[in-house]
């Protein structure tokens, strides 16, 4: 019986010398196959146009060279060896890069949108690859259950679902402002994506108030706000989520607003 395994050696060349950065031993071909399947699933879910093939450069985006090399290499090792990592490990790295582009979002710069989509892609890939730890197998119910299940098992709690949907509703408001005013002044209410639990909960009435001001608080917007309120009331009094995690889920909701719209409104209504 023949067993084939691979050894992956990562080197850094410094002038004429070579330094070993990482050695990953005994990677089975079956694991390589699993990673390619995770890659294809991620591309199909987030980049159906076929113009954005997923690769490790997506992960490297959030671990800049020279600054976070050791963390990037750790992720690479864990991916090939299928070792678990929690979302709390990735959230600070995701948000550092996402916040850096957020300030230019009002001017029409799409870097924030693209960077957030990359972070979602990394999250989906890592979960598909069996690396990103799930919080449990809690059943997801309600109108948005198919969406939460499609984008991985990270949205398993009421508070995460509420924050995600609030991000989507906020993006709907920003789109209305852009259409009617040519700008997105409500972005200032998002505190540079450094909101805590109190700020997140306090954001919902502000969004509703602005939608009413623009005579847009009806139909799908009202239904979505009611679902968010229900999820807030269903959540625990004290959320066990860091500020980085909260704002990451919020940014994900902003980025995937089109998927939320597909559920809130039928194609005919849209």
Protein backbone atom coordinates (compact mmCIF):
# COMPACT_ATOMS: atom_id res chain seq x y z
CA UNK A 1 0.00 0.00 0.00
CA UNK A 2 1.42 3.37 -1.06
CA UNK A 3 0.60 6.55 0.86
CA UNK A 4 1.47 9.91 -0.69
CA UNK A 5 1.92 13.02 1.43
CA UNK A 6 3.34 16.46 0.72
CA UNK A 7 5.78 18.67 2.60
CA UNK A 8 5.36 22.41 2.07
CA UNK A 9 8.42 24.57 2.68
CA UNK A 10 8.17 28.36 2.80
CA UNK A 11 11.47 30.21 2.34
CA UNK A 12 12.56 33.84 2.45
CA UNK A 13 15.60 34.83 0.45
CA UNK A 14 17.78 37.46 2.12
CA UNK A 15 20.63 38.40 -0.24
CA UNK A 16 22.41 35.09 -0.86
CA UNK A 17 20.97 33.29 2.17
CA UNK A 18 17.63 31.52 2.55
CA UNK A 19 15.64 31.53 5.76
CA UNK A 20 13.01 28.88 6.52
CA UNK A 21 9.77 30.57 7.51
CA UNK A 22 7.49 27.57 7.76
CA UNK A 23 7.53 23.82 7.18
CA UNK A 24 4.23 21.99 6.91
CA UNK A 25 4.64 18.23 6.87
CA UNK A 26 2.42 15.35 5.80
CA UNK A 27 -0.25 17.21 3.84
CA UNK A 28 -2.41 14.56 2.19
CA UNK A 29 -3.73 14.94 -1.38
CA UNK A 30 -7.24 14.56 0.04
CA UNK A 31 -6.69 17.76 2.04
CA UNK A 32 -5.62 19.59 -1.11
CA UNK A 33 -8.84 18.38 -2.73
CA UNK A 34 -10.89 19.71 0.20
CA UNK A 35 -9.27 23.14 -0.14
CA UNK A 36 -10.03 23.32 -3.84
CA UNK A 37 -13.64 22.42 -3.14
CA UNK A 38 -13.78 25.17 -0.51
CA UNK A 39 -12.26 27.58 -3.03
CA UNK A 40 -14.87 26.76 -5.68
CA UNK A 41 -17.74 27.03 -3.19
CA UNK A 42 -16.51 30.46 -2.08
CA UNK A 43 -16.19 31.71 -5.65
CA UNK A 44 -19.64 30.45 -6.59
CA UNK A 45 -21.24 32.10 -3.58
CA UNK A 46 -19.58 35.51 -3.73
CA UNK A 47 -18.07 35.91 -7.20
CA UNK A 48 -20.42 34.24 -9.61
CA UNK A 49 -19.03 36.30 -12.49
CA UNK A 50 -15.87 34.16 -12.49
CA UNK A 51 -13.57 37.20 -12.50
CA UNK A 52 -12.38 36.91 -8.90
CA UNK A 53 -10.71 33.53 -8.32
CA UNK A 54 -10.12 32.98 -4.61
CA UNK A 55 -6.49 32.53 -3.52
CA UNK A 56 -4.34 33.03 -0.44
CA UNK A 57 -3.80 36.65 -1.46
CA UNK A 58 -7.30 37.30 -0.09
CA UNK A 59 -6.06 36.20 3.33
CA UNK A 60 -2.79 38.10 2.94
CA UNK A 61 -4.78 41.32 2.44
CA UNK A 62 -5.59 41.29 6.15
CA UNK A 63 -2.09 40.26 7.29
CA UNK A 64 0.19 42.80 5.54
CA UNK A 65 3.68 41.64 4.65
CA UNK A 66 6.36 42.56 7.16
CA UNK A 67 3.85 43.51 9.85
CA UNK A 68 1.80 40.38 10.44
CA UNK A 69 3.92 37.71 8.72
CA UNK A 70 3.83 35.33 11.67
CA UNK A 71 0.05 35.48 11.89
CA UNK A 72 -0.35 34.94 8.14
CA UNK A 73 1.95 31.91 8.27
CA UNK A 74 -0.02 30.59 11.23
CA UNK A 75 -3.24 30.81 9.22
CA UNK A 76 -1.58 29.07 6.25
CA UNK A 77 -0.38 26.27 8.50
CA UNK A 78 -3.79 25.87 10.12
CA UNK A 79 -5.51 25.78 6.72
CA UNK A 80 -3.36 22.94 5.40
CA UNK A 81 -3.45 21.01 8.68
CA UNK A 82 -7.12 21.78 9.36
CA UNK A 83 -6.59 23.21 12.81
CA UNK A 84 -9.42 25.30 14.29
CA UNK A 85 -9.36 29.07 14.74
CA UNK A 86 -12.23 31.25 16.09
CA UNK A 87 -13.70 34.30 14.36
CA UNK A 88 -12.42 36.36 17.31
CA UNK A 89 -8.88 35.70 16.03
CA UNK A 90 -9.66 37.14 12.58
CA UNK A 91 -12.00 40.02 13.46
CA UNK A 92 -9.29 42.50 14.60
CA UNK A 93 -7.27 41.89 11.41
CA UNK A 94 -10.38 42.18 9.22
CA UNK A 95 -11.51 45.41 10.86
CA UNK A 96 -8.10 47.09 10.81
CA UNK A 97 -8.10 46.94 7.01
CA UNK A 98 -11.83 47.58 6.58
CA UNK A 99 -11.76 50.68 8.79
CA UNK A 100 -8.79 52.06 6.87
CA UNK A 101 -10.97 52.22 3.73
CA UNK A 102 -14.22 53.18 5.44
CA UNK A 103 -13.42 56.90 5.67
CA UNK A 104 -13.31 57.25 1.88
CA UNK A 105 -16.63 55.46 1.37
CA UNK A 106 -18.67 58.67 1.34
CA UNK A 107 -16.63 60.03 -1.56
CA UNK A 108 -17.58 57.06 -3.72
CA UNK A 109 -14.40 55.04 -3.17
CA UNK A 110 -15.29 51.33 -3.50
CA UNK A 111 -12.26 50.05 -1.59
CA UNK A 112 -14.37 49.59 1.55
CA UNK A 113 -16.93 47.53 -0.36
CA UNK A 114 -14.30 45.37 -2.05
CA UNK A 115 -12.29 44.89 1.16
CA UNK A 116 -15.38 43.82 3.09
CA UNK A 117 -16.33 41.36 0.35
CA UNK A 118 -12.81 39.89 0.58
CA UNK A 119 -13.22 39.44 4.33
CA UNK A 120 -16.54 37.66 3.80
CA UNK A 121 -14.85 35.44 1.20
CA UNK A 122 -12.08 34.54 3.65
CA UNK A 123 -14.67 33.74 6.32
CA UNK A 124 -16.65 31.51 3.95
CA UNK A 125 -13.51 29.76 2.65
CA UNK A 126 -12.16 29.05 6.13
CA UNK A 127 -15.46 27.64 7.29
CA UNK A 128 -15.81 25.53 4.14
CA UNK A 129 -12.25 24.30 4.74
CA UNK A 130 -13.07 23.26 8.31
CA UNK A 131 -10.80 25.84 9.93
CA UNK A 132 -13.14 28.53 11.20
CA UNK A 133 -14.77 27.29 14.38
CA UNK A 134 -18.55 27.24 14.64
CA UNK A 135 -20.25 28.33 17.85
CA UNK A 136 -22.62 25.38 17.77
CA UNK A 137 -25.44 23.80 15.83
CA UNK A 138 -28.19 26.10 17.10
CA UNK A 139 -31.15 26.04 14.73
CA UNK A 140 -31.72 29.21 12.73
CA UNK A 141 -35.36 30.09 12.21
CA UNK A 142 -37.33 32.83 10.52
CA UNK A 143 -37.53 34.53 7.16
CA UNK A 144 -33.78 35.07 6.89
CA UNK A 145 -32.70 31.57 7.96
CA UNK A 146 -31.68 30.52 4.41
CA UNK A 147 -29.42 33.57 4.12
CA UNK A 148 -27.75 33.01 7.49
CA UNK A 149 -27.16 29.33 6.71
CA UNK A 150 -25.82 30.07 3.22
CA UNK A 151 -23.11 32.36 4.52
CA UNK A 152 -21.79 29.99 7.12
CA UNK A 153 -22.42 29.03 10.72
CA UNK A 154 -21.09 32.27 12.19
CA UNK A 155 -24.51 33.95 12.37
CA UNK A 156 -25.98 31.51 14.85
CA UNK A 157 -27.10 33.95 17.57
CA UNK A 158 -29.87 36.54 17.70
CA UNK A 159 -27.45 39.40 18.35
CA UNK A 160 -25.23 38.54 15.37
CA UNK A 161 -28.25 38.22 13.09
CA UNK A 162 -29.64 41.55 14.34
CA UNK A 163 -26.34 43.34 13.78
CA UNK A 164 -25.99 41.84 10.29
CA UNK A 165 -29.52 42.90 9.29
CA UNK A 166 -29.04 46.35 10.83
CA UNK A 167 -25.97 46.75 8.63
CA UNK A 168 -28.12 45.93 5.60
CA UNK A 169 -30.90 48.34 6.64
CA UNK A 170 -28.33 51.08 7.24
CA UNK A 171 -26.90 50.53 3.76
CA UNK A 172 -30.42 50.86 2.33
CA UNK A 173 -30.68 54.25 4.06
CA UNK A 174 -27.26 55.28 2.73
CA UNK A 175 -28.36 54.35 -0.79
CA UNK A 176 -31.47 56.53 -0.41
CA UNK A 177 -29.33 59.43 0.80
CA UNK A 178 -26.93 59.00 -2.10
CA UNK A 179 -29.84 59.01 -4.54
CA UNK A 180 -31.61 62.04 -3.07
CA UNK A 181 -28.69 64.12 -1.78
CA UNK A 182 -25.66 62.89 -3.68
CA UNK A 183 -23.89 62.07 -0.41
CA UNK A 184 -24.10 59.77 2.63
CA UNK A 185 -24.09 62.02 5.72
CA UNK A 186 -25.46 59.20 7.92
CA UNK A 187 -22.06 57.52 7.73
CA UNK A 188 -20.96 59.83 10.56
CA UNK A 189 -23.37 57.98 12.86
CA UNK A 190 -21.40 54.76 12.41
CA UNK A 191 -18.49 56.00 14.54
CA UNK A 192 -15.86 54.80 12.10
CA UNK A 193 -17.12 51.23 12.63
CA UNK A 194 -16.09 51.23 16.28
CA UNK A 195 -19.58 50.84 17.74
CA UNK A 196 -20.18 48.87 20.93
CA UNK A 197 -23.39 47.10 21.98
CA UNK A 198 -25.02 50.27 23.28
CA UNK A 199 -24.18 52.24 20.13
CA UNK A 200 -25.43 49.42 17.87
CA UNK A 201 -28.77 49.23 19.67
CA UNK A 202 -29.09 52.99 19.64
CA UNK A 203 -28.49 53.08 15.90
CA UNK A 204 -31.78 51.38 14.98
CA UNK A 205 -34.10 54.26 16.04
CA UNK A 206 -31.79 56.69 14.24
CA UNK A 207 -32.05 54.68 11.03
CA UNK A 208 -35.84 54.47 11.38
CA UNK A 209 -36.04 58.21 12.01
CA UNK A 210 -34.07 59.00 8.87
CA UNK A 211 -36.14 56.60 6.77
CA UNK A 212 -39.27 58.37 8.01
CA UNK A 213 -37.68 61.70 7.13
CA UNK A 214 -37.17 60.47 3.56
CA UNK A 215 -40.71 59.02 3.54
CA UNK A 216 -39.26 55.53 3.05
CA UNK A 217 -40.23 53.79 6.28
CA UNK A 218 -42.82 51.41 4.90
CA UNK A 219 -43.04 47.99 3.26
CA UNK A 220 -39.77 46.12 3.28
CA UNK A 221 -37.89 48.70 5.35
CA UNK A 222 -40.48 48.51 8.12
CA UNK A 223 -40.55 44.71 8.03
CA UNK A 224 -36.76 44.56 8.28
CA UNK A 225 -36.69 47.01 11.19
CA UNK A 226 -39.33 44.94 12.99
CA UNK A 227 -37.27 41.77 12.51
CA UNK A 228 -34.18 43.53 13.90
CA UNK A 229 -36.18 44.70 16.93
CA UNK A 230 -37.43 41.15 17.50
CA UNK A 231 -33.86 39.78 17.34
CA UNK A 232 -32.61 42.46 19.75
CA UNK A 233 -35.32 41.48 22.24
CA UNK A 234 -34.50 37.79 21.76
CA UNK A 235 -30.78 38.29 22.41
CA UNK A 236 -29.04 38.02 25.76
CA UNK A 237 -28.73 41.24 27.84
CA UNK A 238 -24.94 41.23 27.56
CA UNK A 239 -23.44 40.20 24.25
CA UNK A 240 -20.25 38.19 24.36
CA UNK A 241 -18.87 39.91 21.26
CA UNK A 242 -15.90 42.21 20.92
CA UNK A 243 -16.22 45.61 19.24
CA UNK A 244 -14.31 44.22 16.26
CA UNK A 245 -16.69 41.27 15.92
CA UNK A 246 -19.78 43.49 16.20
CA UNK A 247 -18.59 45.86 13.52
CA UNK A 248 -17.43 43.05 11.26
CA UNK A 249 -20.92 41.51 11.20
CA UNK A 250 -22.37 44.99 10.67
CA UNK A 251 -20.05 45.60 7.69
CA UNK A 252 -20.95 42.17 6.31
CA UNK A 253 -24.62 43.16 6.38
CA UNK A 254 -23.82 46.39 4.53
CA UNK A 255 -21.90 44.45 1.90
CA UNK A 256 -24.54 41.76 1.39
CA UNK A 257 -27.49 44.14 1.31
CA UNK A 258 -28.55 42.87 -2.12
CA UNK A 259 -29.04 39.37 -0.65
CA UNK A 260 -31.21 40.79 2.11
CA UNK A 261 -33.29 42.72 -0.43
CA UNK A 262 -33.93 39.51 -2.36
CA UNK A 263 -35.62 38.09 0.72
CA UNK A 264 -37.44 41.23 1.85
CA UNK A 265 -38.83 42.03 -1.59
CA UNK A 266 -39.79 39.77 -4.45
CA UNK A 267 -38.25 40.49 -7.84
CA UNK A 268 -41.56 41.96 -9.02
CA UNK A 269 -41.65 44.40 -6.10
CA UNK A 270 -38.03 45.40 -6.66
